[in-house]
Amino acid sequence: MKKHPSTSQILSDIETLYALALKKENFSTALKAKELIGREYGLFLPHTYRKKLSLKDFSDEDIEFLIRKIEAQMTEGIDSRGEDG
């Protein structure tokens, strides 16, 4: 039986597509990618329908993905300032 991709894998793919679309100046595709990510996180629902997230709502894989993403963003921030880790 074929294994379905995880939420974090799909979000990672969409982030990659977003970056490629921006690089090619394909703004409609980039916007759609961000919209899909925003929908996954419930950003475009009326405020009364938004669910407050808890760590219990995420799988271990999702949390590990978010940690890697934050670490990468922190490293990019340090690199852009010309500082060493």
Protein backbone atom coordinates (compact mmCIF):
# COMPACT_ATOMS: atom_id res chain seq x y z
CA MET A 1 0.00 0.00 0.00
CA LYS A 2 1.33 3.44 -0.92
CA LYS A 3 2.10 5.78 1.98
CA HIS A 4 0.53 9.23 1.79
CA PRO A 5 2.79 12.25 2.30
CA SER A 6 2.63 13.96 5.67
CA THR A 7 1.33 17.47 6.18
CA SER A 8 4.86 18.70 6.81
CA GLN A 9 6.08 17.13 3.55
CA ILE A 10 3.32 18.81 1.56
CA LEU A 11 3.92 22.17 3.26
CA SER A 12 7.63 21.84 2.54
CA ASP A 13 6.88 21.16 -1.14
CA ILE A 14 4.56 24.17 -1.31
CA GLU A 15 7.25 26.38 0.30
CA THR A 16 9.71 25.17 -2.34
CA LEU A 17 7.23 25.95 -5.11
CA TYR A 18 6.66 29.39 -3.58
CA ALA A 19 10.38 30.15 -3.65
CA LEU A 20 10.74 28.95 -7.24
CA ALA A 21 7.71 30.96 -8.34
CA LEU A 22 9.12 34.13 -6.77
CA LYS A 23 12.47 33.54 -8.44
CA LYS A 24 10.71 33.26 -11.83
CA GLU A 25 8.51 36.27 -10.97
CA ASN A 26 5.42 34.09 -11.28
CA PHE A 27 3.55 36.02 -8.63
CA SER A 28 0.15 34.39 -9.11
CA THR A 29 1.66 30.96 -8.40
CA ALA A 30 3.62 32.33 -5.44
CA LEU A 31 0.47 33.92 -4.02
CA LYS A 32 -1.50 30.68 -4.46
CA ALA A 33 1.24 28.75 -2.63
CA LYS A 34 1.12 31.16 0.31
CA GLU A 35 -2.68 31.01 0.28
CA LEU A 36 -2.57 27.21 0.59
CA ILE A 37 -0.14 27.43 3.49
CA GLY A 38 -2.29 30.08 5.16
CA ARG A 39 -5.38 27.92 4.76
CA GLU A 40 -3.60 24.98 6.37
CA TYR A 41 -2.88 27.15 9.42
CA GLY A 42 -6.42 28.54 9.48
CA LEU A 43 -5.35 32.11 8.76
CA PHE A 44 -8.21 32.95 6.42
CA LEU A 45 -11.12 31.89 8.59
CA PRO A 46 -13.30 34.36 10.44
CA HIS A 47 -11.78 34.98 13.86
CA THR A 48 -14.64 33.16 15.61
CA TYR A 49 -13.80 29.95 13.70
CA ARG A 50 -10.07 29.92 14.37
CA LYS A 51 -8.88 27.09 16.53
CA LYS A 52 -6.25 27.82 19.14
CA LEU A 53 -3.37 25.47 18.49
CA SER A 54 -1.62 23.43 21.08
CA LEU A 55 1.52 21.30 20.76
CA LYS A 56 -0.82 18.32 21.14
CA ASP A 57 -2.30 19.25 17.72
CA PHE A 58 1.03 18.56 15.96
CA SER A 59 2.70 15.26 15.19
CA ASP A 60 6.32 14.72 16.20
CA GLU A 61 7.21 15.02 12.53
CA ASP A 62 5.41 18.37 12.24
CA ILE A 63 7.22 19.73 15.31
CA GLU A 64 10.60 18.54 14.01
CA PHE A 65 9.84 20.23 10.66
CA LEU A 66 8.99 23.51 12.40
CA ILE A 67 12.15 23.35 14.52
CA ARG A 68 14.31 22.80 11.41
CA LYS A 69 12.58 25.68 9.65
CA ILE A 70 13.10 28.06 12.59
CA GLU A 71 16.75 27.00 12.92
CA ALA A 72 17.27 27.65 9.19
CA GLN A 73 15.65 31.08 9.47
CA MET A 74 17.82 31.92 12.47
CA THR A 75 20.94 30.85 10.56
CA GLU A 76 19.92 32.95 7.55
CA GLY A 77 19.45 35.95 9.85
CA ILE A 78 22.92 35.53 11.33
CA ASP A 79 24.50 34.99 7.89
CA SER A 80 22.82 38.09 6.47
CA ARG A 81 24.34 40.20 9.26
CA GLY A 82 27.77 38.76 8.57
CA GLU A 83 28.11 37.22 12.00
CA ASP A 84 29.48 33.81 12.88
CA GLY A 85 27.31 31.21 14.63
